[in-house]
Amino acid sequence: MAGFGLPEGLAAAIASWDVGAAQGALYSDDRTLSRLIGRPTTPLKQAVADALQAL
């Protein structure tokens, strides 16, 4: 990202967020997101399968 002009510090921060997400930092089993959006969440694997099936 820095090679495309993003400041070095910002590029490093974004890269670290990606690493954290890949390591499960965004995972939560407390259903907060479901309560906020008013419906159950859908796992990415299921959402992709549903989208492919709809084609």
PDB file of N, CA and C in Angstrom:
ATOM      1  N   MET A   1       0.828  -1.183   0.000  1.00  0.00           N
ATOM      2  CA  MET A   1       0.000   0.000   0.000  1.00  0.00           C
ATOM      3  C   MET A   1       0.875   1.250   0.000  1.00  0.00           C
ATOM      4  N   ALA A   2       1.968   1.172   0.720  1.00  0.00           N
ATOM      5  CA  ALA A   2       2.867   2.321   0.740  1.00  0.00           C
ATOM      6  C   ALA A   2       3.432   2.572  -0.650  1.00  0.00           C
ATOM      7  N   GLY A   3       3.616   1.502  -1.422  1.00  0.00           N
ATOM      8  CA  GLY A   3       4.120   1.636  -2.782  1.00  0.00           C
ATOM      9  C   GLY A   3       3.158   2.375  -3.700  1.00  0.00           C
ATOM     10  N   PHE A   4       1.900   2.476  -3.288  1.00  0.00           N
ATOM     11  CA  PHE A   4       0.907   3.196  -4.070  1.00  0.00           C
ATOM     12  C   PHE A   4       0.630   4.581  -3.508  1.00  0.00           C
ATOM     13  N   GLY A   5       1.459   5.008  -2.568  1.00  0.00           N
ATOM     14  CA  GLY A   5       1.354   6.377  -2.085  1.00  0.00           C
ATOM     15  C   GLY A   5       0.734   6.557  -0.714  1.00  0.00           C
ATOM     16  N   LEU A   6       0.266   5.491  -0.093  1.00  0.00           N
ATOM     17  CA  LEU A   6      -0.276   5.623   1.254  1.00  0.00           C
ATOM     18  C   LEU A   6       0.871   5.906   2.208  1.00  0.00           C
ATOM     19  N   PRO A   7       0.666   6.797   3.160  1.00  0.00           N
ATOM     20  CA  PRO A   7       1.727   7.038   4.137  1.00  0.00           C
ATOM     21  C   PRO A   7       2.115   5.729   4.840  1.00  0.00           C
ATOM     22  N   GLU A   8       3.386   5.576   5.104  1.00  0.00           N
ATOM     23  CA  GLU A   8       3.920   4.334   5.680  1.00  0.00           C
ATOM     24  C   GLU A   8       3.181   3.913   6.942  1.00  0.00           C
ATOM     25  N   GLY A   9       2.926   4.842   7.839  1.00  0.00           N
ATOM     26  CA  GLY A   9       2.233   4.508   9.097  1.00  0.00           C
ATOM     27  C   GLY A   9       0.825   4.001   8.865  1.00  0.00           C
ATOM     28  N   LEU A  10       0.100   4.609   7.944  1.00  0.00           N
ATOM     29  CA  LEU A  10      -1.261   4.177   7.643  1.00  0.00           C
ATOM     30  C   LEU A  10      -1.248   2.803   6.978  1.00  0.00           C
ATOM     31  N   ALA A  11      -0.319   2.588   6.062  1.00  0.00           N
ATOM     32  CA  ALA A  11      -0.202   1.284   5.405  1.00  0.00           C
ATOM     33  C   ALA A  11       0.083   0.193   6.437  1.00  0.00           C
ATOM     34  N   ALA A  12       0.964   0.470   7.376  1.00  0.00           N
ATOM     35  CA  ALA A  12       1.285  -0.512   8.421  1.00  0.00           C
ATOM     36  C   ALA A  12       0.073  -0.774   9.309  1.00  0.00           C
ATOM     37  N   ALA A  13      -0.679   0.276   9.639  1.00  0.00           N
ATOM     38  CA  ALA A  13      -1.874   0.103  10.477  1.00  0.00           C
ATOM     39  C   ALA A  13      -2.907  -0.764   9.781  1.00  0.00           C
ATOM     40  N   ILE A  14      -3.174  -0.487   8.521  1.00  0.00           N
ATOM     41  CA  ILE A  14      -4.161  -1.272   7.775  1.00  0.00           C
ATOM     42  C   ILE A  14      -3.709  -2.724   7.667  1.00  0.00           C
ATOM     43  N   ALA A  15      -2.434  -2.943   7.412  1.00  0.00           N
ATOM     44  CA  ALA A  15      -1.915  -4.310   7.331  1.00  0.00           C
ATOM     45  C   ALA A  15      -2.083  -5.027   8.665  1.00  0.00           C
ATOM     46  N   SER A  16      -1.856  -4.336   9.767  1.00  0.00           N
ATOM     47  CA  SER A  16      -2.000  -4.976  11.075  1.00  0.00           C
ATOM     48  C   SER A  16      -3.466  -5.302  11.371  1.00  0.00           C
ATOM     49  N   TRP A  17      -4.389  -4.474  10.901  1.00  0.00           N
ATOM     50  CA  TRP A  17      -5.813  -4.772  11.087  1.00  0.00           C
ATOM     51  C   TRP A  17      -6.182  -6.048  10.338  1.00  0.00           C
ATOM     52  N   ASP A  18      -5.636  -6.203   9.139  1.00  0.00           N
ATOM     53  CA  ASP A  18      -5.905  -7.391   8.335  1.00  0.00           C
ATOM     54  C   ASP A  18      -5.368  -8.638   9.033  1.00  0.00           C
ATOM     55  N   VAL A  19      -4.172  -8.541   9.567  1.00  0.00           N
ATOM     56  CA  VAL A  19      -3.585  -9.674  10.293  1.00  0.00           C
ATOM     57  C   VAL A  19      -4.450 -10.009  11.509  1.00  0.00           C
ATOM     58  N   GLY A  20      -4.848  -9.004  12.238  1.00  0.00           N
ATOM     59  CA  GLY A  20      -5.695  -9.235  13.416  1.00  0.00           C
ATOM     60  C   GLY A  20      -7.012  -9.903  13.053  1.00  0.00           C
ATOM     61  N   ALA A  21      -7.639  -9.449  11.986  1.00  0.00           N
ATOM     62  CA  ALA A  21      -8.899 -10.057  11.546  1.00  0.00           C
ATOM     63  C   ALA A  21      -8.686 -11.510  11.150  1.00  0.00           C
ATOM     64  N   ALA A  22      -7.582 -11.791  10.468  1.00  0.00           N
ATOM     65  CA  ALA A  22      -7.285 -13.162  10.058  1.00  0.00           C
ATOM     66  C   ALA A  22      -7.047 -14.065  11.273  1.00  0.00           C
ATOM     67  N   GLN A  23      -6.622 -13.479  12.372  1.00  0.00           N
ATOM     68  CA  GLN A  23      -6.359 -14.249  13.593  1.00  0.00           C
ATOM     69  C   GLN A  23      -7.577 -14.301  14.518  1.00  0.00           C
ATOM     70  N   GLY A  24      -8.716 -13.802  14.039  1.00  0.00           N
ATOM     71  CA  GLY A  24      -9.953 -13.907  14.812  1.00  0.00           C
ATOM     72  C   GLY A  24     -10.287 -12.720  15.683  1.00  0.00           C
ATOM     73  N   ALA A  25      -9.616 -11.606  15.519  1.00  0.00           N
ATOM     74  CA  ALA A  25      -9.857 -10.452  16.383  1.00  0.00           C
ATOM     75  C   ALA A  25     -11.282  -9.897  16.262  1.00  0.00           C
ATOM     76  N   LEU A  26     -11.942 -10.148  15.145  1.00  0.00           N
ATOM     77  CA  LEU A  26     -13.297  -9.630  14.964  1.00  0.00           C
ATOM     78  C   LEU A  26     -14.367 -10.609  15.426  1.00  0.00           C
ATOM     79  N   TYR A  27     -13.966 -11.815  15.817  1.00  0.00           N
ATOM     80  CA  TYR A  27     -14.925 -12.829  16.219  1.00  0.00           C
ATOM     81  C   TYR A  27     -15.550 -12.477  17.558  1.00  0.00           C
ATOM     82  N   SER A  28     -16.844 -12.671  17.626  1.00  0.00           N
ATOM     83  CA  SER A  28     -17.561 -12.487  18.885  1.00  0.00           C
ATOM     84  C   SER A  28     -18.746 -13.435  18.890  1.00  0.00           C
ATOM     85  N   ASP A  29     -18.914 -14.169  19.945  1.00  0.00           N
ATOM     86  CA  ASP A  29     -20.056 -15.075  20.025  1.00  0.00           C
ATOM     87  C   ASP A  29     -21.159 -14.536  20.924  1.00  0.00           C
ATOM     88  N   ASP A  30     -21.133 -13.238  21.220  1.00  0.00           N
ATOM     89  CA  ASP A  30     -22.134 -12.673  22.129  1.00  0.00           C
ATOM     90  C   ASP A  30     -23.387 -12.144  21.426  1.00  0.00           C
ATOM     91  N   ARG A  31     -23.458 -12.276  20.114  1.00  0.00           N
ATOM     92  CA  ARG A  31     -24.646 -11.916  19.314  1.00  0.00           C
ATOM     93  C   ARG A  31     -24.959 -10.418  19.303  1.00  0.00           C
ATOM     94  N   THR A  32     -23.990  -9.584  19.619  1.00  0.00           N
ATOM     95  CA  THR A  32     -24.210  -8.135  19.602  1.00  0.00           C
ATOM     96  C   THR A  32     -24.629  -7.656  18.224  1.00  0.00           C
ATOM     97  N   LEU A  33     -23.937  -8.100  17.176  1.00  0.00           N
ATOM     98  CA  LEU A  33     -24.282  -7.660  15.827  1.00  0.00           C
ATOM     99  C   LEU A  33     -25.697  -8.088  15.450  1.00  0.00           C
ATOM    100  N   SER A  34     -26.092  -9.289  15.787  1.00  0.00           N
ATOM    101  CA  SER A  34     -27.454  -9.753  15.502  1.00  0.00           C
ATOM    102  C   SER A  34     -28.488  -8.857  16.180  1.00  0.00           C
ATOM    103  N   ARG A  35     -28.221  -8.491  17.411  1.00  0.00           N
ATOM    104  CA  ARG A  35     -29.158  -7.603  18.112  1.00  0.00           C
ATOM    105  C   ARG A  35     -29.192  -6.226  17.467  1.00  0.00           C
ATOM    106  N   LEU A  36     -28.042  -5.731  17.045  1.00  0.00           N
ATOM    107  CA  LEU A  36     -27.993  -4.408  16.428  1.00  0.00           C
ATOM    108  C   LEU A  36     -28.732  -4.354  15.096  1.00  0.00           C
ATOM    109  N   ILE A  37     -28.590  -5.405  14.284  1.00  0.00           N
ATOM    110  CA  ILE A  37     -29.214  -5.379  12.958  1.00  0.00           C
ATOM    111  C   ILE A  37     -30.609  -6.001  12.950  1.00  0.00           C
ATOM    112  N   GLY A  38     -31.003  -6.599  14.071  1.00  0.00           N
ATOM    113  CA  GLY A  38     -32.354  -7.120  14.198  1.00  0.00           C
ATOM    114  C   GLY A  38     -32.611  -8.428  13.459  1.00  0.00           C
ATOM    115  N   ARG A  39     -31.569  -9.166  13.148  1.00  0.00           N
ATOM    116  CA  ARG A  39     -31.723 -10.465  12.481  1.00  0.00           C
ATOM    117  C   ARG A  39     -30.472 -11.283  12.734  1.00  0.00           C
ATOM    118  N   PRO A  40     -30.561 -12.595  12.516  1.00  0.00           N
ATOM    119  CA  PRO A  40     -29.359 -13.409  12.691  1.00  0.00           C
ATOM    120  C   PRO A  40     -28.298 -13.050  11.648  1.00  0.00           C
ATOM    121  N   THR A  41     -27.056 -13.186  12.025  1.00  0.00           N
ATOM    122  CA  THR A  41     -25.971 -12.976  11.063  1.00  0.00           C
ATOM    123  C   THR A  41     -25.794 -14.238  10.227  1.00  0.00           C
ATOM    124  N   THR A  42     -25.160 -14.079   9.085  1.00  0.00           N
ATOM    125  CA  THR A  42     -24.919 -15.202   8.175  1.00  0.00           C
ATOM    126  C   THR A  42     -23.407 -15.381   8.020  1.00  0.00           C
ATOM    127  N   PRO A  43     -22.902 -16.574   8.266  1.00  0.00           N
ATOM    128  CA  PRO A  43     -21.471 -16.810   8.061  1.00  0.00           C
ATOM    129  C   PRO A  43     -21.095 -16.545   6.598  1.00  0.00           C
ATOM    130  N   LEU A  44     -19.897 -16.048   6.368  1.00  0.00           N
ATOM    131  CA  LEU A  44     -19.457 -15.718   5.015  1.00  0.00           C
ATOM    132  C   LEU A  44     -19.565 -16.921   4.092  1.00  0.00           C
ATOM    133  N   LYS A  45     -19.171 -18.086   4.577  1.00  0.00           N
ATOM    134  CA  LYS A  45     -19.242 -19.305   3.761  1.00  0.00           C
ATOM    135  C   LYS A  45     -20.669 -19.535   3.257  1.00  0.00           C
ATOM    136  N   GLN A  46     -21.653 -19.337   4.120  1.00  0.00           N
ATOM    137  CA  GLN A  46     -23.052 -19.530   3.734  1.00  0.00           C
ATOM    138  C   GLN A  46     -23.514 -18.437   2.777  1.00  0.00           C
ATOM    139  N   ALA A  47     -23.124 -17.208   3.028  1.00  0.00           N
ATOM    140  CA  ALA A  47     -23.524 -16.106   2.147  1.00  0.00           C
ATOM    141  C   ALA A  47     -22.997 -16.300   0.742  1.00  0.00           C
ATOM    142  N   VAL A  48     -21.756 -16.765   0.619  1.00  0.00           N
ATOM    143  CA  VAL A  48     -21.171 -17.018  -0.700  1.00  0.00           C
ATOM    144  C   VAL A  48     -21.890 -18.169  -1.379  1.00  0.00           C
ATOM    145  N   ALA A  49     -22.152 -19.248  -0.635  1.00  0.00           N
ATOM    146  CA  ALA A  49     -22.863 -20.391  -1.209  1.00  0.00           C
ATOM    147  C   ALA A  49     -24.248 -19.978  -1.688  1.00  0.00           C
ATOM    148  N   ASP A  50     -24.947 -19.180  -0.904  1.00  0.00           N
ATOM    149  CA  ASP A  50     -26.284 -18.705  -1.299  1.00  0.00           C
ATOM    150  C   ASP A  50     -26.208 -17.849  -2.564  1.00  0.00           C
ATOM    151  N   ALA A  51     -25.217 -16.971  -2.625  1.00  0.00           N
ATOM    152  CA  ALA A  51     -25.067 -16.098  -3.798  1.00  0.00           C
ATOM    153  C   ALA A  51     -24.756 -16.913  -5.045  1.00  0.00           C
ATOM    154  N   LEU A  52     -23.900 -17.919  -4.920  1.00  0.00           N
ATOM    155  CA  LEU A  52     -23.565 -18.761  -6.065  1.00  0.00           C
ATOM    156  C   LEU A  52     -24.761 -19.590  -6.525  1.00  0.00           C
ATOM    157  N   GLN A  53     -25.542 -20.036  -5.577  1.00  0.00           N
ATOM    158  CA  GLN A  53     -26.729 -20.825  -5.908  1.00  0.00           C
ATOM    159  C   GLN A  53     -27.778 -19.967  -6.626  1.00  0.00           C
ATOM    160  N   ALA A  54     -27.806 -18.672  -6.326  1.00  0.00           N
ATOM    161  CA  ALA A  54     -28.781 -17.774  -6.931  1.00  0.00           C
ATOM    162  C   ALA A  54     -28.435 -17.411  -8.377  1.00  0.00           C
ATOM    163  N   LEU A  55     -27.238 -17.747  -8.820  1.00  0.00           N
ATOM    164  CA  LEU A  55     -26.830 -17.409 -10.184  1.00  0.00           C
ATOM    165  C   LEU A  55     -27.545 -18.220 -11.213  1.00  0.00           C
TER     166      LEU A  55
END
